PDB file of N, CA and C in Angstrom:
ATOM      1  N   MET A   1     279.748 196.524 -86.001  1.00  0.00           N
ATOM      2  CA  MET A   1     279.556 197.696 -86.811  1.00  0.00           C
ATOM      3  C   MET A   1     280.803 197.870 -87.669  1.00  0.00           C
ATOM      4  N   HIS A   2     280.578 198.129 -88.920  1.00  0.00           N
ATOM      5  CA  HIS A   2     281.717 198.380 -89.795  1.00  0.00           C
ATOM      6  C   HIS A   2     281.337 199.427 -90.836  1.00  0.00           C
ATOM      7  N   LYS A   3     282.353 200.072 -91.366  1.00  0.00           N
ATOM      8  CA  LYS A   3     282.144 201.127 -92.344  1.00  0.00           C
ATOM      9  C   LYS A   3     282.734 200.703 -93.674  1.00  0.00           C
ATOM     10  N   GLU A   4     282.064 201.073 -94.731  1.00  0.00           N
ATOM     11  CA  GLU A   4     282.540 200.788 -96.088  1.00  0.00           C
ATOM     12  C   GLU A   4     282.367 202.037 -96.940  1.00  0.00           C
ATOM     13  N   ASP A   5     283.170 202.127 -97.943  1.00  0.00           N
ATOM     14  CA  ASP A   5     283.011 203.204 -98.914  1.00  0.00           C
ATOM     15  C   ASP A   5     282.295 202.646-100.131  1.00  0.00           C
ATOM     16  N   GLU A   6     281.144 203.214-100.429  1.00  0.00           N
ATOM     17  CA  GLU A   6     280.398 202.809-101.623  1.00  0.00           C
ATOM     18  C   GLU A   6     280.166 204.054-102.468  1.00  0.00           C
ATOM     19  N   ASP A   7     280.641 204.010-103.671  1.00  0.00           N
ATOM     20  CA  ASP A   7     280.492 205.126-104.607  1.00  0.00           C
ATOM     21  C   ASP A   7     280.995 206.437-104.016  1.00  0.00           C
ATOM     22  N   GLY A   8     282.080 206.370-103.286  1.00  0.00           N
ATOM     23  CA  GLY A   8     282.668 207.579-102.726  1.00  0.00           C
ATOM     24  C   GLY A   8     282.014 208.058-101.440  1.00  0.00           C
ATOM     25  N   LYS A   9     281.028 207.307-100.922  1.00  0.00           N
ATOM     26  CA  LYS A   9     280.346 207.697 -99.685  1.00  0.00           C
ATOM     27  C   LYS A   9     280.694 206.710 -98.589  1.00  0.00           C
ATOM     28  N   ALA A  10     280.829 207.221 -97.381  1.00  0.00           N
ATOM     29  CA  ALA A  10     281.066 206.346 -96.235  1.00  0.00           C
ATOM     30  C   ALA A  10     279.722 205.827 -95.742  1.00  0.00           C
ATOM     31  N   VAL A  11     279.593 204.510 -95.707  1.00  0.00           N
ATOM     32  CA  VAL A  11     278.345 203.878 -95.288  1.00  0.00           C
ATOM     33  C   VAL A  11     278.622 203.050 -94.045  1.00  0.00           C
ATOM     34  N   THR A  12     277.788 203.213 -93.029  1.00  0.00           N
ATOM     35  CA  THR A  12     277.953 202.458 -91.793  1.00  0.00           C
ATOM     36  C   THR A  12     276.924 201.334 -91.764  1.00  0.00           C
ATOM     37  N   HIS A  13     277.397 200.131 -91.569  1.00  0.00           N
ATOM     38  CA  HIS A  13     276.509 198.977 -91.462  1.00  0.00           C
ATOM     39  C   HIS A  13     276.449 198.549 -89.999  1.00  0.00           C
ATOM     40  N   ILE A  14     275.243 198.459 -89.475  1.00  0.00           N
ATOM     41  CA  ILE A  14     275.035 198.064 -88.075  1.00  0.00           C
ATOM     42  C   ILE A  14     274.195 196.796 -88.074  1.00  0.00           C
ATOM     43  N   SER A  15     274.603 195.838 -87.252  1.00  0.00           N
ATOM     44  CA  SER A  15     273.861 194.579 -87.208  1.00  0.00           C
ATOM     45  C   SER A  15     272.508 194.777 -86.522  1.00  0.00           C
ATOM     46  N   ARG A  16     271.653 193.829 -86.722  1.00  0.00           N
ATOM     47  CA  ARG A  16     270.295 193.900 -86.171  1.00  0.00           C
ATOM     48  C   ARG A  16     270.317 193.965 -84.637  1.00  0.00           C
ATOM     49  N   ASP A  17     271.158 193.170 -83.999  1.00  0.00           N
ATOM     50  CA  ASP A  17     271.237 193.174 -82.535  1.00  0.00           C
ATOM     51  C   ASP A  17     271.769 194.498 -81.998  1.00  0.00           C
ATOM     52  N   GLU A  18     272.698 195.107 -82.713  1.00  0.00           N
ATOM     53  CA  GLU A  18     273.228 196.396 -82.268  1.00  0.00           C
ATOM     54  C   GLU A  18     272.161 197.486 -82.350  1.00  0.00           C
ATOM     55  N   VAL A  19     271.360 197.452 -83.376  1.00  0.00           N
ATOM     56  CA  VAL A  19     270.304 198.453 -83.543  1.00  0.00           C
ATOM     57  C   VAL A  19     269.232 198.283 -82.481  1.00  0.00           C
ATOM     58  N   ARG A  20     268.840 197.063 -82.199  1.00  0.00           N
ATOM     59  CA  ARG A  20     267.770 196.795 -81.244  1.00  0.00           C
ATOM     60  C   ARG A  20     268.244 196.861 -79.801  1.00  0.00           C
ATOM     61  N   GLY A  21     269.507 196.865 -79.561  1.00  0.00           N
ATOM     62  CA  GLY A  21     270.029 196.932 -78.209  1.00  0.00           C
ATOM     63  C   GLY A  21     270.093 195.580 -77.536  1.00  0.00           C
ATOM     64  N   GLY A  22     269.995 194.516 -78.274  1.00  0.00           N
ATOM     65  CA  GLY A  22     270.089 193.186 -77.696  1.00  0.00           C
ATOM     66  C   GLY A  22     269.058 192.258 -78.297  1.00  0.00           C
ATOM     67  N   ALA A  23     269.039 191.057 -77.797  1.00  0.00           N
ATOM     68  CA  ALA A  23     268.105 190.054 -78.295  1.00  0.00           C
ATOM     69  C   ALA A  23     266.740 190.239 -77.651  1.00  0.00           C
ATOM     70  N   SER A  24     265.708 189.886 -78.379  1.00  0.00           N
ATOM     71  CA  SER A  24     264.354 189.972 -77.819  1.00  0.00           C
ATOM     72  C   SER A  24     264.028 188.650 -77.135  1.00  0.00           C
ATOM     73  N   THR A  25     263.585 188.743 -75.897  1.00  0.00           N
ATOM     74  CA  THR A  25     263.273 187.529 -75.135  1.00  0.00           C
ATOM     75  C   THR A  25     261.786 187.382 -74.879  1.00  0.00           C
ATOM     76  N   HIS A  26     260.976 188.321 -75.331  1.00  0.00           N
ATOM     77  CA  HIS A  26     259.525 188.296 -75.165  1.00  0.00           C
ATOM     78  C   HIS A  26     259.100 188.351 -73.702  1.00  0.00           C
ATOM     79  N   VAL A  27     259.958 188.850 -72.823  1.00  0.00           N
ATOM     80  CA  VAL A  27     259.621 188.941 -71.402  1.00  0.00           C
ATOM     81  C   VAL A  27     258.483 189.930 -71.193  1.00  0.00           C
ATOM     82  N   THR A  28     258.501 191.028 -71.922  1.00  0.00           N
ATOM     83  CA  THR A  28     257.451 192.040 -71.766  1.00  0.00           C
ATOM     84  C   THR A  28     256.084 191.452 -72.074  1.00  0.00           C
ATOM     85  N   ARG A  29     256.012 190.636 -73.091  1.00  0.00           N
ATOM     86  CA  ARG A  29     254.742 190.007 -73.453  1.00  0.00           C
ATOM     87  C   ARG A  29     254.221 189.152 -72.304  1.00  0.00           C
ATOM     88  N   TYR A  30     255.103 188.405 -71.665  1.00  0.00           N
ATOM     89  CA  TYR A  30     254.685 187.546 -70.555  1.00  0.00           C
ATOM     90  C   TYR A  30     254.282 188.367 -69.336  1.00  0.00           C
ATOM     91  N   VAL A  31     254.994 189.430 -69.050  1.00  0.00           N
ATOM     92  CA  VAL A  31     254.662 190.281 -67.906  1.00  0.00           C
ATOM     93  C   VAL A  31     253.288 190.920 -68.104  1.00  0.00           C
ATOM     94  N   LEU A  32     253.028 191.443 -69.288  1.00  0.00           N
ATOM     95  CA  LEU A  32     251.731 192.056 -69.562  1.00  0.00           C
ATOM     96  C   LEU A  32     250.606 191.038 -69.502  1.00  0.00           C
ATOM     97  N   THR A  33     250.819 189.846 -70.015  1.00  0.00           N
ATOM     98  CA  THR A  33     249.790 188.810 -69.984  1.00  0.00           C
ATOM     99  C   THR A  33     249.477 188.384 -68.560  1.00  0.00           C
ATOM    100  N   VAL A  34     250.500 188.134 -67.766  1.00  0.00           N
ATOM    101  CA  VAL A  34     250.288 187.722 -66.379  1.00  0.00           C
ATOM    102  C   VAL A  34     249.613 188.839 -65.590  1.00  0.00           C
ATOM    103  N   SER A  35     250.010 190.084 -65.800  1.00  0.00           N
ATOM    104  CA  SER A  35     249.403 191.216 -65.103  1.00  0.00           C
ATOM    105  C   SER A  35     247.929 191.354 -65.453  1.00  0.00           C
ATOM    106  N   LEU A  36     247.597 191.211 -66.719  1.00  0.00           N
ATOM    107  CA  LEU A  36     246.201 191.306 -67.145  1.00  0.00           C
ATOM    108  C   LEU A  36     245.365 190.202 -66.515  1.00  0.00           C
ATOM    109  N   VAL A  37     245.885 188.990 -66.489  1.00  0.00           N
ATOM    110  CA  VAL A  37     245.160 187.867 -65.881  1.00  0.00           C
ATOM    111  C   VAL A  37     244.944 188.117 -64.389  1.00  0.00           C
ATOM    112  N   LEU A  38     245.955 188.625 -63.693  1.00  0.00           N
ATOM    113  CA  LEU A  38     245.815 188.899 -62.265  1.00  0.00           C
ATOM    114  C   LEU A  38     244.792 189.996 -61.990  1.00  0.00           C
ATOM    115  N   VAL A  39     244.741 191.017 -62.818  1.00  0.00           N
ATOM    116  CA  VAL A  39     243.753 192.087 -62.650  1.00  0.00           C
ATOM    117  C   VAL A  39     242.350 191.555 -62.881  1.00  0.00           C
ATOM    118  N   VAL A  40     242.169 190.727 -63.886  1.00  0.00           N
ATOM    119  CA  VAL A  40     240.848 190.152 -64.153  1.00  0.00           C
ATOM    120  C   VAL A  40     240.417 189.257 -62.999  1.00  0.00           C
ATOM    121  N   ILE A  41     241.317 188.460 -62.458  1.00  0.00           N
ATOM    122  CA  ILE A  41     240.993 187.597 -61.320  1.00  0.00           C
ATOM    123  C   ILE A  41     240.636 188.438 -60.100  1.00  0.00           C
ATOM    124  N   ALA A  42     241.407 189.488 -59.829  1.00  0.00           N
ATOM    125  CA  ALA A  42     241.124 190.354 -58.678  1.00  0.00           C
ATOM    126  C   ALA A  42     239.761 191.022 -58.826  1.00  0.00           C
ATOM    127  N   PHE A  43     239.431 191.499 -60.011  1.00  0.00           N
ATOM    128  CA  PHE A  43     238.137 192.131 -60.247  1.00  0.00           C
ATOM    129  C   PHE A  43     237.008 191.112 -60.069  1.00  0.00           C
ATOM    130  N   ALA A  44     237.193 189.893 -60.549  1.00  0.00           N
ATOM    131  CA  ALA A  44     236.167 188.855 -60.407  1.00  0.00           C
ATOM    132  C   ALA A  44     235.953 188.510 -58.940  1.00  0.00           C
ATOM    133  N   VAL A  45     237.021 188.453 -58.151  1.00  0.00           N
ATOM    134  CA  VAL A  45     236.894 188.170 -56.716  1.00  0.00           C
ATOM    135  C   VAL A  45     236.128 189.292 -56.021  1.00  0.00           C
ATOM    136  N   LEU A  46     236.469 190.535 -56.329  1.00  0.00           N
ATOM    137  CA  LEU A  46     235.762 191.669 -55.731  1.00  0.00           C
ATOM    138  C   LEU A  46     234.292 191.670 -56.119  1.00  0.00           C
ATOM    139  N   LEU A  47     234.001 191.359 -57.342  1.00  0.00           N
ATOM    140  CA  LEU A  47     232.619 191.317 -57.804  1.00  0.00           C
ATOM    141  C   LEU A  47     231.863 190.168 -57.144  1.00  0.00           C
ATOM    142  N   ALA A  48     232.498 189.016 -56.996  1.00  0.00           N
ATOM    143  CA  ALA A  48     231.847 187.842 -56.408  1.00  0.00           C
ATOM    144  C   ALA A  48     231.593 188.009 -54.908  1.00  0.00           C
ATOM    145  N   THR A  49     232.442 188.752 -54.221  1.00  0.00           N
ATOM    146  CA  THR A  49     232.280 188.921 -52.779  1.00  0.00           C
ATOM    147  C   THR A  49     231.347 190.071 -52.430  1.00  0.00           C
ATOM    148  N   GLY A  50     230.831 190.770 -53.420  1.00  0.00           N
ATOM    149  CA  GLY A  50     229.887 191.849 -53.150  1.00  0.00           C
ATOM    150  C   GLY A  50     230.555 193.146 -52.752  1.00  0.00           C
ATOM    151  N   PHE A  51     231.803 193.316 -53.094  1.00  0.00           N
ATOM    152  CA  PHE A  51     232.532 194.522 -52.732  1.00  0.00           C
ATOM    153  C   PHE A  51     231.892 195.768 -53.327  1.00  0.00           C
ATOM    154  N   PHE A  52     231.305 195.644 -54.507  1.00  0.00           N
ATOM    155  CA  PHE A  52     230.738 196.807 -55.186  1.00  0.00           C
ATOM    156  C   PHE A  52     229.282 197.069 -54.814  1.00  0.00           C
ATOM    157  N   ASN A  53     228.681 196.225 -54.011  1.00  0.00           N
ATOM    158  CA  ASN A  53     227.310 196.451 -53.566  1.00  0.00           C
ATOM    159  C   ASN A  53     227.309 197.451 -52.427  1.00  0.00           C
ATOM    160  N   THR A  54     226.325 198.336 -52.425  1.00  0.00           N
ATOM    161  CA  THR A  54     226.194 199.288 -51.330  1.00  0.00           C
ATOM    162  C   THR A  54     224.856 199.058 -50.653  1.00  0.00           C
ATOM    163  N   SER A  55     224.834 199.241 -49.371  1.00  0.00           N
ATOM    164  CA  SER A  55     223.567 199.109 -48.645  1.00  0.00           C
ATOM    165  C   SER A  55     222.951 200.489 -48.497  1.00  0.00           C
ATOM    166  N   ARG A  56     221.657 200.521 -48.255  1.00  0.00           N
ATOM    167  CA  ARG A  56     220.957 201.802 -48.082  1.00  0.00           C
ATOM    168  C   ARG A  56     221.333 202.391 -46.737  1.00  0.00           C
ATOM    169  N   THR A  57     221.613 203.645 -46.749  1.00  0.00           N
ATOM    170  CA  THR A  57     221.955 204.346 -45.521  1.00  0.00           C
ATOM    171  C   THR A  57     221.005 205.522 -45.345  1.00  0.00           C
ATOM    172  N   GLY A  58     221.137 206.204 -44.259  1.00  0.00           N
ATOM    173  CA  GLY A  58     220.317 207.381 -44.015  1.00  0.00           C
ATOM    174  C   GLY A  58     220.553 208.465 -45.041  1.00  0.00           C
ATOM    175  N   ALA A  59     221.724 208.488 -45.633  1.00  0.00           N
ATOM    176  CA  ALA A  59     222.027 209.495 -46.648  1.00  0.00           C
ATOM    177  C   ALA A  59     221.152 209.313 -47.876  1.00  0.00           C
ATOM    178  N   ASP A  60     220.738 208.065 -48.158  1.00  0.00           N
ATOM    179  CA  ASP A  60     219.868 207.834 -49.309  1.00  0.00           C
ATOM    180  C   ASP A  60     218.518 208.501 -49.110  1.00  0.00           C
ATOM    181  N   GLN A  61     218.030 208.486 -47.895  1.00  0.00           N
ATOM    182  CA  GLN A  61     216.703 209.055 -47.618  1.00  0.00           C
ATOM    183  C   GLN A  61     216.747 210.570 -47.501  1.00  0.00           C
ATOM    184  N   SER A  62     217.874 211.161 -47.220  1.00  0.00           N
ATOM    185  CA  SER A  62     217.957 212.613 -47.054  1.00  0.00           C
ATOM    186  C   SER A  62     217.740 213.351 -48.366  1.00  0.00           C
ATOM    187  N   HIS A  63     217.879 212.678 -49.465  1.00  0.00           N
ATOM    188  CA  HIS A  63     217.699 213.324 -50.761  1.00  0.00           C
ATOM    189  C   HIS A  63     216.274 213.177 -51.291  1.00  0.00           C
ATOM    190  N   MET A  64     215.407 212.511 -50.565  1.00  0.00           N
ATOM    191  CA  MET A  64     214.020 212.360 -50.994  1.00  0.00           C
ATOM    192  C   MET A  64     213.242 213.658 -50.697  1.00  0.00           C
ATOM    193  N   ALA A  65     212.172 213.854 -51.436  1.00  0.00           N
ATOM    194  CA  ALA A  65     211.383 215.075 -51.274  1.00  0.00           C
ATOM    195  C   ALA A  65     210.717 215.121 -49.889  1.00  0.00           C
ATOM    196  N   ASN A  66     210.229 213.997 -49.420  1.00  0.00           N
ATOM    197  CA  ASN A  66     209.613 213.966 -48.098  1.00  0.00           C
ATOM    198  C   ASN A  66     209.716 212.552 -47.526  1.00  0.00           C
ATOM    199  N   ASN A  67     209.305 212.380 -46.307  1.00  0.00           N
ATOM    200  CA  ASN A  67     209.441 211.095 -45.633  1.00  0.00           C
ATOM    201  C   ASN A  67     208.556 210.025 -46.266  1.00  0.00           C
ATOM    202  N   ALA A  68     207.363 210.390 -46.755  1.00  0.00           N
ATOM    203  CA  ALA A  68     206.473 209.420 -47.373  1.00  0.00           C
ATOM    204  C   ALA A  68     207.117 208.840 -48.636  1.00  0.00           C
ATOM    205  N   GLU A  69     207.784 209.654 -49.370  1.00  0.00           N
ATOM    206  CA  GLU A  69     208.469 209.170 -50.582  1.00  0.00           C
ATOM    207  C   GLU A  69     209.644 208.273 -50.195  1.00  0.00           C
ATOM    208  N   ALA A  70     210.314 208.603 -49.115  1.00  0.00           N
ATOM    209  CA  ALA A  70     211.467 207.837 -48.674  1.00  0.00           C
ATOM    210  C   ALA A  70     211.068 206.448 -48.182  1.00  0.00           C
ATOM    211  N   THR A  71     209.967 206.357 -47.463  1.00  0.00           N
ATOM    212  CA  THR A  71     209.539 205.080 -46.907  1.00  0.00           C
ATOM    213  C   THR A  71     208.616 204.313 -47.819  1.00  0.00           C
ATOM    214  N   GLY A  72     208.077 204.953 -48.816  1.00  0.00           N
ATOM    215  CA  GLY A  72     207.208 204.281 -49.752  1.00  0.00           C
ATOM    216  C   GLY A  72     205.745 204.250 -49.312  1.00  0.00           C
ATOM    217  N   GLY A  73     205.381 204.986 -48.322  1.00  0.00           N
ATOM    218  CA  GLY A  73     203.998 205.000 -47.848  1.00  0.00           C
ATOM    219  C   GLY A  73     203.617 206.343 -47.271  1.00  0.00           C
ATOM    220  N   PRO A  74     202.371 206.440 -46.754  1.00  0.00           N
ATOM    221  CA  PRO A  74     201.904 207.734 -46.237  1.00  0.00           C
ATOM    222  C   PRO A  74     202.520 208.116 -44.905  1.00  0.00           C
TER     223      PRO A  74
END
């Protein structure tokens, strides 16, 4: 960082690295990419193993109007 006088005004010149706080290493890009891939893989595994499937329970039948509707017959 250095200062100069231009046309009677004090002007401060700051280098690009000083303004940005350091060099960019693109680490954030890699972390986000790897995290996204891991989330997609985890979701695919859960979907493939049937984690999101639910079986019918007695609670499903309790909301039916009557037993015939619940069982599908008279």
